[in-house]
Amino acid sequence: MTSSPVQPAYFARLNSADSERARRQKEVLEGVMAALSASKEGKDHPQLLTPERRASLYIGRLEFKWNDAISRRPLLPVIYVTEPLEDWRDFTNTIRGRFGATRQE
């Protein structure tokens, strides 16, 4: 684009950004309308959430959160003592974990 005194280059860039945004909005609206018409006709569409797709997205989010938490603070090894042996006396610091399980740390 060439700049002119009537429409400088700055305003030309703004107009091109507005036209790009309008094109994207039109594209999204066409996709939504196609998904709605497919839903009314009982057909499958990539943008429709079926129960299987919803479950896979939920599992994916859970896996992402779990991996993110583990990458920040890794799990420490935990030894679960199911039956304390008094003969061995291999642990001195006994704490109670979930549901009253005895843990050695």
PDB file of N, CA and C in Angstrom:
ATOM      1  N   MET A   1       0.836  -1.185   0.000  1.00  0.00           N
ATOM      2  CA  MET A   1       0.000   0.000   0.000  1.00  0.00           C
ATOM      3  C   MET A   1       0.875   1.241   0.000  1.00  0.00           C
ATOM      4  N   THR A   2       0.431   2.177  -0.715  1.00  0.00           N
ATOM      5  CA  THR A   2       1.127   3.453  -0.727  1.00  0.00           C
ATOM      6  C   THR A   2       0.379   4.408   0.171  1.00  0.00           C
ATOM      7  N   SER A   3       1.130   5.224   0.868  1.00  0.00           N
ATOM      8  CA  SER A   3       0.480   6.163   1.772  1.00  0.00           C
ATOM      9  C   SER A   3       0.069   7.410   0.994  1.00  0.00           C
ATOM     10  N   SER A   4      -1.023   7.961   1.370  1.00  0.00           N
ATOM     11  CA  SER A   4      -1.505   9.185   0.740  1.00  0.00           C
ATOM     12  C   SER A   4      -1.861  10.172   1.835  1.00  0.00           C
ATOM     13  N   PRO A   5      -1.960  11.423   1.498  1.00  0.00           N
ATOM     14  CA  PRO A   5      -2.327  12.381   2.540  1.00  0.00           C
ATOM     15  C   PRO A   5      -3.731  12.140   3.083  1.00  0.00           C
ATOM     16  N   VAL A   6      -4.579  11.521   2.275  1.00  0.00           N
ATOM     17  CA  VAL A   6      -5.952  11.284   2.726  1.00  0.00           C
ATOM     18  C   VAL A   6      -5.991  10.111   3.713  1.00  0.00           C
ATOM     19  N   GLN A   7      -5.250   9.052   3.385  1.00  0.00           N
ATOM     20  CA  GLN A   7      -5.239   7.863   4.255  1.00  0.00           C
ATOM     21  C   GLN A   7      -3.792   7.453   4.483  1.00  0.00           C
ATOM     22  N   PRO A   8      -3.169   7.909   5.581  1.00  0.00           N
ATOM     23  CA  PRO A   8      -1.777   7.550   5.821  1.00  0.00           C
ATOM     24  C   PRO A   8      -1.605   6.054   6.079  1.00  0.00           C
ATOM     25  N   ALA A   9      -0.349   5.612   6.092  1.00  0.00           N
ATOM     26  CA  ALA A   9      -0.026   4.187   6.242  1.00  0.00           C
ATOM     27  C   ALA A   9      -0.539   3.633   7.564  1.00  0.00           C
ATOM     28  N   TYR A  10      -0.559   4.434   8.621  1.00  0.00           N
ATOM     29  CA  TYR A  10      -1.041   3.979   9.920  1.00  0.00           C
ATOM     30  C   TYR A  10      -2.500   3.553   9.818  1.00  0.00           C
ATOM     31  N   PHE A  11      -3.332   4.370   9.192  1.00  0.00           N
ATOM     32  CA  PHE A  11      -4.749   4.038   9.074  1.00  0.00           C
ATOM     33  C   PHE A  11      -4.967   2.885   8.105  1.00  0.00           C
ATOM     34  N   ALA A  12      -4.097   2.764   7.120  1.00  0.00           N
ATOM     35  CA  ALA A  12      -4.206   1.637   6.200  1.00  0.00           C
ATOM     36  C   ALA A  12      -3.946   0.328   6.940  1.00  0.00           C
ATOM     37  N   ARG A  13      -2.954   0.320   7.849  1.00  0.00           N
ATOM     38  CA  ARG A  13      -2.694  -0.882   8.638  1.00  0.00           C
ATOM     39  C   ARG A  13      -3.867  -1.200   9.547  1.00  0.00           C
ATOM     40  N   LEU A  14      -4.476  -0.176  10.134  1.00  0.00           N
ATOM     41  CA  LEU A  14      -5.645  -0.415  10.982  1.00  0.00           C
ATOM     42  C   LEU A  14      -6.790  -1.002  10.177  1.00  0.00           C
ATOM     43  N   ASN A  15      -6.992  -0.507   8.970  1.00  0.00           N
ATOM     44  CA  ASN A  15      -8.072  -1.034   8.134  1.00  0.00           C
ATOM     45  C   ASN A  15      -7.807  -2.490   7.757  1.00  0.00           C
ATOM     46  N   SER A  16      -6.551  -2.830   7.485  1.00  0.00           N
ATOM     47  CA  SER A  16      -6.254  -4.217   7.142  1.00  0.00           C
ATOM     48  C   SER A  16      -6.447  -5.127   8.365  1.00  0.00           C
ATOM     49  N   ALA A  17      -6.126  -4.643   9.571  1.00  0.00           N
ATOM     50  CA  ALA A  17      -6.346  -5.437  10.785  1.00  0.00           C
ATOM     51  C   ALA A  17      -7.836  -5.626  11.021  1.00  0.00           C
ATOM     52  N   ASP A  18      -8.633  -4.584  10.772  1.00  0.00           N
ATOM     53  CA  ASP A  18     -10.083  -4.705  10.934  1.00  0.00           C
ATOM     54  C   ASP A  18     -10.660  -5.706   9.938  1.00  0.00           C
ATOM     55  N   SER A  19     -10.185  -5.662   8.703  1.00  0.00           N
ATOM     56  CA  SER A  19     -10.708  -6.597   7.708  1.00  0.00           C
ATOM     57  C   SER A  19     -10.309  -8.033   8.054  1.00  0.00           C
ATOM     58  N   GLU A  20      -9.111  -8.235   8.603  1.00  0.00           N
ATOM     59  CA  GLU A  20      -8.687  -9.575   9.024  1.00  0.00           C
ATOM     60  C   GLU A  20      -9.554 -10.083  10.172  1.00  0.00           C
ATOM     61  N   ARG A  21      -9.853  -9.207  11.121  1.00  0.00           N
ATOM     62  CA  ARG A  21     -10.717  -9.594  12.236  1.00  0.00           C
ATOM     63  C   ARG A  21     -12.120  -9.917  11.759  1.00  0.00           C
ATOM     64  N   ALA A  22     -12.626  -9.140  10.829  1.00  0.00           N
ATOM     65  CA  ALA A  22     -13.953  -9.411  10.285  1.00  0.00           C
ATOM     66  C   ALA A  22     -13.969 -10.740   9.535  1.00  0.00           C
ATOM     67  N   ARG A  23     -12.892 -11.059   8.805  1.00  0.00           N
ATOM     68  CA  ARG A  23     -12.815 -12.327   8.099  1.00  0.00           C
ATOM     69  C   ARG A  23     -12.814 -13.500   9.066  1.00  0.00           C
ATOM     70  N   ARG A  24     -12.057 -13.365  10.171  1.00  0.00           N
ATOM     71  CA  ARG A  24     -12.019 -14.439  11.176  1.00  0.00           C
ATOM     72  C   ARG A  24     -13.379 -14.619  11.842  1.00  0.00           C
ATOM     73  N   GLN A  25     -14.040 -13.521  12.158  1.00  0.00           N
ATOM     74  CA  GLN A  25     -15.369 -13.607  12.773  1.00  0.00           C
ATOM     75  C   GLN A  25     -16.352 -14.297  11.833  1.00  0.00           C
ATOM     76  N   LYS A  26     -16.267 -13.967  10.545  1.00  0.00           N
ATOM     77  CA  LYS A  26     -17.157 -14.596   9.573  1.00  0.00           C
ATOM     78  C   LYS A  26     -16.875 -16.087   9.480  1.00  0.00           C
ATOM     79  N   GLU A  27     -15.598 -16.465   9.508  1.00  0.00           N
ATOM     80  CA  GLU A  27     -15.217 -17.874   9.452  1.00  0.00           C
ATOM     81  C   GLU A  27     -15.746 -18.637  10.660  1.00  0.00           C
ATOM     82  N   VAL A  28     -15.625 -18.045  11.838  1.00  0.00           N
ATOM     83  CA  VAL A  28     -16.121 -18.697  13.061  1.00  0.00           C
ATOM     84  C   VAL A  28     -17.642 -18.826  13.011  1.00  0.00           C
ATOM     85  N   LEU A  29     -18.309 -17.780  12.543  1.00  0.00           N
ATOM     86  CA  LEU A  29     -19.769 -17.812  12.458  1.00  0.00           C
ATOM     87  C   LEU A  29     -20.242 -18.885  11.485  1.00  0.00           C
ATOM     88  N   GLU A  30     -19.544 -19.036  10.357  1.00  0.00           N
ATOM     89  CA  GLU A  30     -19.909 -20.083   9.401  1.00  0.00           C
ATOM     90  C   GLU A  30     -19.721 -21.471  10.013  1.00  0.00           C
ATOM     91  N   GLY A  31     -18.660 -21.662  10.808  1.00  0.00           N
ATOM     92  CA  GLY A  31     -18.446 -22.944  11.470  1.00  0.00           C
ATOM     93  C   GLY A  31     -19.526 -23.256  12.486  1.00  0.00           C
ATOM     94  N   VAL A  32     -19.929 -22.230  13.236  1.00  0.00           N
ATOM     95  CA  VAL A  32     -20.990 -22.420  14.232  1.00  0.00           C
ATOM     96  C   VAL A  32     -22.312 -22.751  13.545  1.00  0.00           C
ATOM     97  N   MET A  33     -22.611 -22.058  12.469  1.00  0.00           N
ATOM     98  CA  MET A  33     -23.864 -22.321  11.751  1.00  0.00           C
ATOM     99  C   MET A  33     -23.859 -23.728  11.158  1.00  0.00           C
ATOM    100  N   ALA A  34     -22.704 -24.181  10.646  1.00  0.00           N
ATOM    101  CA  ALA A  34     -22.613 -25.540  10.113  1.00  0.00           C
ATOM    102  C   ALA A  34     -22.809 -26.564  11.222  1.00  0.00           C
ATOM    103  N   ALA A  35     -22.245 -26.301  12.399  1.00  0.00           N
ATOM    104  CA  ALA A  35     -22.409 -27.228  13.523  1.00  0.00           C
ATOM    105  C   ALA A  35     -23.858 -27.267  13.983  1.00  0.00           C
ATOM    106  N   LEU A  36     -24.516 -26.108  14.028  1.00  0.00           N
ATOM    107  CA  LEU A  36     -25.928 -26.079  14.429  1.00  0.00           C
ATOM    108  C   LEU A  36     -26.805 -26.820  13.438  1.00  0.00           C
ATOM    109  N   SER A  37     -26.575 -26.616  12.160  1.00  0.00           N
ATOM    110  CA  SER A  37     -27.394 -27.316  11.162  1.00  0.00           C
ATOM    111  C   SER A  37     -27.136 -28.820  11.213  1.00  0.00           C
ATOM    112  N   ALA A  38     -25.887 -29.224  11.453  1.00  0.00           N
ATOM    113  CA  ALA A  38     -25.595 -30.654  11.581  1.00  0.00           C
ATOM    114  C   ALA A  38     -26.264 -31.231  12.812  1.00  0.00           C
ATOM    115  N   SER A  39     -26.313 -30.443  13.889  1.00  0.00           N
ATOM    116  CA  SER A  39     -26.969 -30.911  15.112  1.00  0.00           C
ATOM    117  C   SER A  39     -28.461 -31.091  14.892  1.00  0.00           C
ATOM    118  N   LYS A  40     -29.085 -30.148  14.181  1.00  0.00           N
ATOM    119  CA  LYS A  40     -30.530 -30.254  13.921  1.00  0.00           C
ATOM    120  C   LYS A  40     -30.843 -31.439  13.028  1.00  0.00           C
ATOM    121  N   GLU A  41     -29.936 -31.736  12.084  1.00  0.00           N
ATOM    122  CA  GLU A  41     -30.162 -32.851  11.161  1.00  0.00           C
ATOM    123  C   GLU A  41     -29.748 -34.192  11.758  1.00  0.00           C
ATOM    124  N   GLY A  42     -29.114 -34.164  12.923  1.00  0.00           N
ATOM    125  CA  GLY A  42     -28.691 -35.397  13.565  1.00  0.00           C
ATOM    126  C   GLY A  42     -27.401 -35.963  12.998  1.00  0.00           C
ATOM    127  N   LYS A  43     -26.641 -35.139  12.287  1.00  0.00           N
ATOM    128  CA  LYS A  43     -25.379 -35.589  11.701  1.00  0.00           C
ATOM    129  C   LYS A  43     -24.223 -35.235  12.629  1.00  0.00           C
ATOM    130  N   ASP A  44     -23.066 -35.815  12.332  1.00  0.00           N
ATOM    131  CA  ASP A  44     -21.869 -35.561  13.136  1.00  0.00           C
ATOM    132  C   ASP A  44     -21.101 -34.386  12.539  1.00  0.00           C
ATOM    133  N   HIS A  45     -20.496 -33.602  13.408  1.00  0.00           N
ATOM    134  CA  HIS A  45     -19.704 -32.449  12.987  1.00  0.00           C
ATOM    135  C   HIS A  45     -18.519 -32.340  13.932  1.00  0.00           C
ATOM    136  N   PRO A  46     -17.337 -31.949  13.426  1.00  0.00           N
ATOM    137  CA  PRO A  46     -16.154 -31.896  14.308  1.00  0.00           C
ATOM    138  C   PRO A  46     -16.300 -30.935  15.484  1.00  0.00           C
ATOM    139  N   GLN A  47     -17.142 -29.916  15.371  1.00  0.00           N
ATOM    140  CA  GLN A  47     -17.274 -28.949  16.463  1.00  0.00           C
ATOM    141  C   GLN A  47     -18.323 -29.345  17.489  1.00  0.00           C
ATOM    142  N   LEU A  48     -19.092 -30.399  17.208  1.00  0.00           N
ATOM    143  CA  LEU A  48     -20.099 -30.843  18.173  1.00  0.00           C
ATOM    144  C   LEU A  48     -19.430 -31.698  19.245  1.00  0.00           C
ATOM    145  N   LEU A  49     -19.825 -31.497  20.489  1.00  0.00           N
ATOM    146  CA  LEU A  49     -19.262 -32.277  21.594  1.00  0.00           C
ATOM    147  C   LEU A  49     -20.153 -33.481  21.857  1.00  0.00           C
ATOM    148  N   THR A  50     -19.684 -34.636  21.461  1.00  0.00           N
ATOM    149  CA  THR A  50     -20.379 -35.870  21.810  1.00  0.00           C
ATOM    150  C   THR A  50     -19.897 -36.284  23.198  1.00  0.00           C
ATOM    151  N   PRO A  51     -20.582 -37.181  23.860  1.00  0.00           N
ATOM    152  CA  PRO A  51     -20.108 -37.625  25.183  1.00  0.00           C
ATOM    153  C   PRO A  51     -18.692 -38.199  25.147  1.00  0.00           C
ATOM    154  N   GLU A  52     -18.339 -38.888  24.051  1.00  0.00           N
ATOM    155  CA  GLU A  52     -16.991 -39.450  23.953  1.00  0.00           C
ATOM    156  C   GLU A  52     -15.953 -38.339  23.839  1.00  0.00           C
ATOM    157  N   ARG A  53     -16.251 -37.334  23.018  1.00  0.00           N
ATOM    158  CA  ARG A  53     -15.307 -36.225  22.874  1.00  0.00           C
ATOM    159  C   ARG A  53     -15.197 -35.432  24.171  1.00  0.00           C
ATOM    160  N   ARG A  54     -16.333 -35.240  24.853  1.00  0.00           N
ATOM    161  CA  ARG A  54     -16.302 -34.517  26.123  1.00  0.00           C
ATOM    162  C   ARG A  54     -15.452 -35.267  27.146  1.00  0.00           C
ATOM    163  N   ALA A  55     -15.606 -36.589  27.197  1.00  0.00           N
ATOM    164  CA  ALA A  55     -14.822 -37.387  28.148  1.00  0.00           C
ATOM    165  C   ALA A  55     -13.339 -37.344  27.797  1.00  0.00           C
ATOM    166  N   SER A  56     -13.016 -37.415  26.505  1.00  0.00           N
ATOM    167  CA  SER A  56     -11.605 -37.381  26.127  1.00  0.00           C
ATOM    168  C   SER A  56     -10.990 -36.015  26.426  1.00  0.00           C
ATOM    169  N   LEU A  57     -11.745 -34.934  26.244  1.00  0.00           N
ATOM    170  CA  LEU A  57     -11.238 -33.608  26.591  1.00  0.00           C
ATOM    171  C   LEU A  57     -11.029 -33.480  28.098  1.00  0.00           C
ATOM    172  N   TYR A  58     -11.962 -34.031  28.884  1.00  0.00           N
ATOM    173  CA  TYR A  58     -11.843 -33.973  30.338  1.00  0.00           C
ATOM    174  C   TYR A  58     -10.614 -34.749  30.814  1.00  0.00           C
ATOM    175  N   ILE A  59     -10.415 -35.933  30.244  1.00  0.00           N
ATOM    176  CA  ILE A  59      -9.253 -36.744  30.620  1.00  0.00           C
ATOM    177  C   ILE A  59      -7.967 -36.038  30.207  1.00  0.00           C
ATOM    178  N   GLY A  60      -7.989 -35.411  29.049  1.00  0.00           N
ATOM    179  CA  GLY A  60      -6.809 -34.671  28.607  1.00  0.00           C
ATOM    180  C   GLY A  60      -6.467 -33.527  29.536  1.00  0.00           C
ATOM    181  N   ARG A  61      -7.509 -32.798  29.999  1.00  0.00           N
ATOM    182  CA  ARG A  61      -7.265 -31.704  30.953  1.00  0.00           C
ATOM    183  C   ARG A  61      -6.721 -32.241  32.269  1.00  0.00           C
ATOM    184  N   LEU A  62      -7.276 -33.359  32.751  1.00  0.00           N
ATOM    185  CA  LEU A  62      -6.782 -33.950  33.996  1.00  0.00           C
ATOM    186  C   LEU A  62      -5.327 -34.390  33.856  1.00  0.00           C
ATOM    187  N   GLU A  63      -5.000 -35.023  32.721  1.00  0.00           N
ATOM    188  CA  GLU A  63      -3.615 -35.449  32.510  1.00  0.00           C
ATOM    189  C   GLU A  63      -2.680 -34.248  32.456  1.00  0.00           C
ATOM    190  N   PHE A  64      -3.120 -33.165  31.807  1.00  0.00           N
ATOM    191  CA  PHE A  64      -2.288 -31.969  31.723  1.00  0.00           C
ATOM    192  C   PHE A  64      -2.043 -31.385  33.113  1.00  0.00           C
ATOM    193  N   LYS A  65      -3.103 -31.287  33.922  1.00  0.00           N
ATOM    194  CA  LYS A  65      -2.944 -30.744  35.276  1.00  0.00           C
ATOM    195  C   LYS A  65      -2.026 -31.637  36.117  1.00  0.00           C
ATOM    196  N   TRP A  66      -2.205 -32.948  36.014  1.00  0.00           N
ATOM    197  CA  TRP A  66      -1.383 -33.881  36.778  1.00  0.00           C
ATOM    198  C   TRP A  66       0.078 -33.759  36.366  1.00  0.00           C
ATOM    199  N   ASN A  67       0.348 -33.764  35.068  1.00  0.00           N
ATOM    200  CA  ASN A  67       1.732 -33.664  34.591  1.00  0.00           C
ATOM    201  C   ASN A  67       2.343 -32.328  34.974  1.00  0.00           C
ATOM    202  N   ASP A  68       1.559 -31.267  34.954  1.00  0.00           N
ATOM    203  CA  ASP A  68       2.064 -29.957  35.336  1.00  0.00           C
ATOM    204  C   ASP A  68       2.432 -29.947  36.824  1.00  0.00           C
ATOM    205  N   ALA A  69       1.558 -30.515  37.660  1.00  0.00           N
ATOM    206  CA  ALA A  69       1.837 -30.545  39.101  1.00  0.00           C
ATOM    207  C   ALA A  69       3.049 -31.419  39.401  1.00  0.00           C
ATOM    208  N   ILE A  70       3.164 -32.543  38.726  1.00  0.00           N
ATOM    209  CA  ILE A  70       4.286 -33.445  38.959  1.00  0.00           C
ATOM    210  C   ILE A  70       5.592 -32.819  38.485  1.00  0.00           C
ATOM    211  N   SER A  71       5.541 -32.051  37.395  1.00  0.00           N
ATOM    212  CA  SER A  71       6.773 -31.437  36.909  1.00  0.00           C
ATOM    213  C   SER A  71       7.256 -30.350  37.862  1.00  0.00           C
ATOM    214  N   ARG A  72       6.336 -29.701  38.554  1.00  0.00           N
ATOM    215  CA  ARG A  72       6.739 -28.662  39.497  1.00  0.00           C
ATOM    216  C   ARG A  72       7.224 -29.249  40.817  1.00  0.00           C
ATOM    217  N   ARG A  73       6.531 -30.272  41.303  1.00  0.00           N
ATOM    218  CA  ARG A  73       6.891 -30.877  42.590  1.00  0.00           C
ATOM    219  C   ARG A  73       6.731 -32.389  42.470  1.00  0.00           C
ATOM    220  N   PRO A  74       7.804 -33.102  42.177  1.00  0.00           N
ATOM    221  CA  PRO A  74       7.688 -34.551  41.977  1.00  0.00           C
ATOM    222  C   PRO A  74       7.259 -35.269  43.253  1.00  0.00           C
ATOM    223  N   LEU A  75       6.645 -36.414  43.050  1.00  0.00           N
ATOM    224  CA  LEU A  75       6.210 -37.223  44.186  1.00  0.00           C
ATOM    225  C   LEU A  75       7.416 -37.787  44.913  1.00  0.00           C
ATOM    226  N   LEU A  76       7.336 -37.818  46.212  1.00  0.00           N
ATOM    227  CA  LEU A  76       8.378 -38.428  47.020  1.00  0.00           C
ATOM    228  C   LEU A  76       8.055 -39.901  47.209  1.00  0.00           C
ATOM    229  N   PRO A  77       9.054 -40.745  47.276  1.00  0.00           N
ATOM    230  CA  PRO A  77       8.766 -42.164  47.489  1.00  0.00           C
ATOM    231  C   PRO A  77       8.192 -42.390  48.889  1.00  0.00           C
ATOM    232  N   VAL A  78       7.149 -43.178  48.957  1.00  0.00           N
ATOM    233  CA  VAL A  78       6.475 -43.473  50.215  1.00  0.00           C
ATOM    234  C   VAL A  78       6.459 -44.977  50.398  1.00  0.00           C
ATOM    235  N   ILE A  79       6.873 -45.432  51.573  1.00  0.00           N
ATOM    236  CA  ILE A  79       6.849 -46.852  51.893  1.00  0.00           C
ATOM    237  C   ILE A  79       5.628 -47.101  52.772  1.00  0.00           C
ATOM    238  N   TYR A  80       4.720 -47.926  52.294  1.00  0.00           N
ATOM    239  CA  TYR A  80       3.528 -48.257  53.070  1.00  0.00           C
ATOM    240  C   TYR A  80       3.816 -49.485  53.919  1.00  0.00           C
ATOM    241  N   VAL A  81       3.644 -49.352  55.213  1.00  0.00           N
ATOM    242  CA  VAL A  81       3.865 -50.460  56.135  1.00  0.00           C
ATOM    243  C   VAL A  81       2.500 -51.031  56.475  1.00  0.00           C
ATOM    244  N   THR A  82       2.230 -52.224  55.960  1.00  0.00           N
ATOM    245  CA  THR A  82       0.912 -52.808  56.178  1.00  0.00           C
ATOM    246  C   THR A  82       0.825 -53.513  57.525  1.00  0.00           C
ATOM    247  N   GLU A  83       1.926 -54.080  57.965  1.00  0.00           N
ATOM    248  CA  GLU A  83       1.910 -54.824  59.219  1.00  0.00           C
ATOM    249  C   GLU A  83       3.207 -54.516  59.965  1.00  0.00           C
ATOM    250  N   PRO A  84       3.165 -53.708  61.006  1.00  0.00           N
ATOM    251  CA  PRO A  84       4.418 -53.379  61.686  1.00  0.00           C
ATOM    252  C   PRO A  84       5.024 -54.615  62.355  1.00  0.00           C
ATOM    253  N   LEU A  85       6.294 -54.820  62.100  1.00  0.00           N
ATOM    254  CA  LEU A  85       7.008 -55.942  62.686  1.00  0.00           C
ATOM    255  C   LEU A  85       7.848 -55.429  63.848  1.00  0.00           C
ATOM    256  N   GLU A  86       7.548 -55.886  65.038  1.00  0.00           N
ATOM    257  CA  GLU A  86       8.250 -55.405  66.222  1.00  0.00           C
ATOM    258  C   GLU A  86       9.652 -55.982  66.312  1.00  0.00           C
ATOM    259  N   ASP A  87       9.880 -57.122  65.649  1.00  0.00           N
ATOM    260  CA  ASP A  87      11.192 -57.750  65.745  1.00  0.00           C
ATOM    261  C   ASP A  87      12.244 -56.975  64.975  1.00  0.00           C
ATOM    262  N   TRP A  88      11.886 -56.450  63.825  1.00  0.00           N
ATOM    263  CA  TRP A  88      12.877 -55.795  62.987  1.00  0.00           C
ATOM    264  C   TRP A  88      13.262 -54.420  63.512  1.00  0.00           C
ATOM    265  N   ARG A  89      12.312 -53.685  63.992  1.00  0.00           N
ATOM    266  CA  ARG A  89      12.517 -52.325  64.469  1.00  0.00           C
ATOM    267  C   ARG A  89      13.290 -51.489  63.438  1.00  0.00           C
ATOM    268  N   ASP A  90      12.828 -51.582  62.177  1.00  0.00           N
ATOM    269  CA  ASP A  90      13.534 -50.877  61.113  1.00  0.00           C
ATOM    270  C   ASP A  90      13.025 -49.451  60.928  1.00  0.00           C
ATOM    271  N   PHE A  91      11.997 -49.078  61.676  1.00  0.00           N
ATOM    272  CA  PHE A  91      11.549 -47.696  61.553  1.00  0.00           C
ATOM    273  C   PHE A  91      11.233 -47.162  62.943  1.00  0.00           C
ATOM    274  N   THR A  92      11.531 -45.883  63.115  1.00  0.00           N
ATOM    275  CA  THR A  92      11.272 -45.260  64.400  1.00  0.00           C
ATOM    276  C   THR A  92      10.245 -44.145  64.293  1.00  0.00           C
ATOM    277  N   ASN A  93      10.123 -43.569  63.105  1.00  0.00           N
ATOM    278  CA  ASN A  93       9.213 -42.454  62.935  1.00  0.00           C
ATOM    279  C   ASN A  93       7.986 -42.923  62.175  1.00  0.00           C
ATOM    280  N   THR A  94       6.936 -43.268  62.868  1.00  0.00           N
ATOM    281  CA  THR A  94       5.722 -43.771  62.244  1.00  0.00           C
ATOM    282  C   THR A  94       4.679 -42.666  62.239  1.00  0.00           C
ATOM    283  N   ILE A  95       4.143 -42.403  61.065  1.00  0.00           N
ATOM    284  CA  ILE A  95       3.057 -41.421  60.963  1.00  0.00           C
ATOM    285  C   ILE A  95       1.878 -42.091  60.288  1.00  0.00           C
ATOM    286  N   ARG A  96       0.720 -41.521  60.513  1.00  0.00           N
ATOM    287  CA  ARG A  96      -0.498 -42.071  59.936  1.00  0.00           C
ATOM    288  C   ARG A  96      -0.821 -41.337  58.640  1.00  0.00           C
ATOM    289  N   GLY A  97      -1.132 -42.099  57.598  1.00  0.00           N
ATOM    290  CA  GLY A  97      -1.484 -41.522  56.315  1.00  0.00           C
ATOM    291  C   GLY A  97      -2.979 -41.560  56.090  1.00  0.00           C
ATOM    292  N   ARG A  98      -3.353 -41.655  54.861  1.00  0.00           N
ATOM    293  CA  ARG A  98      -4.762 -41.651  54.492  1.00  0.00           C
ATOM    294  C   ARG A  98      -5.440 -42.911  54.986  1.00  0.00           C
ATOM    295  N   PHE A  99      -6.620 -42.772  55.517  1.00  0.00           N
ATOM    296  CA  PHE A  99      -7.428 -43.862  56.063  1.00  0.00           C
ATOM    297  C   PHE A  99      -6.705 -44.596  57.181  1.00  0.00           C
ATOM    298  N   GLY A 100      -5.815 -43.924  57.891  1.00  0.00           N
ATOM    299  CA  GLY A 100      -5.141 -44.504  59.026  1.00  0.00           C
ATOM    300  C   GLY A 100      -4.022 -45.461  58.686  1.00  0.00           C
ATOM    301  N   ALA A 101      -3.570 -45.495  57.425  1.00  0.00           N
ATOM    302  CA  ALA A 101      -2.469 -46.386  57.050  1.00  0.00           C
ATOM    303  C   ALA A 101      -1.187 -45.886  57.694  1.00  0.00           C
ATOM    304  N   THR A 102      -0.380 -46.824  58.144  1.00  0.00           N
ATOM    305  CA  THR A 102       0.895 -46.458  58.748  1.00  0.00           C
ATOM    306  C   THR A 102       1.914 -46.266  57.641  1.00  0.00           C
ATOM    307  N   ARG A 103       2.628 -45.143  57.699  1.00  0.00           N
ATOM    308  CA  ARG A 103       3.625 -44.858  56.656  1.00  0.00           C
ATOM    309  C   ARG A 103       4.986 -44.653  57.306  1.00  0.00           C
ATOM    310  N   GLN A 104       5.988 -45.005  56.567  1.00  0.00           N
ATOM    311  CA  GLN A 104       7.352 -44.762  57.006  1.00  0.00           C
ATOM    312  C   GLN A 104       7.973 -43.763  56.034  1.00  0.00           C
ATOM    313  N   GLU A 105       8.524 -42.687  56.570  1.00  0.00           N
ATOM    314  CA  GLU A 105       9.147 -41.697  55.693  1.00  0.00           C
ATOM    315  C   GLU A 105      10.561 -41.421  56.141  1.00  0.00           C
TER     316      GLU A 105
END
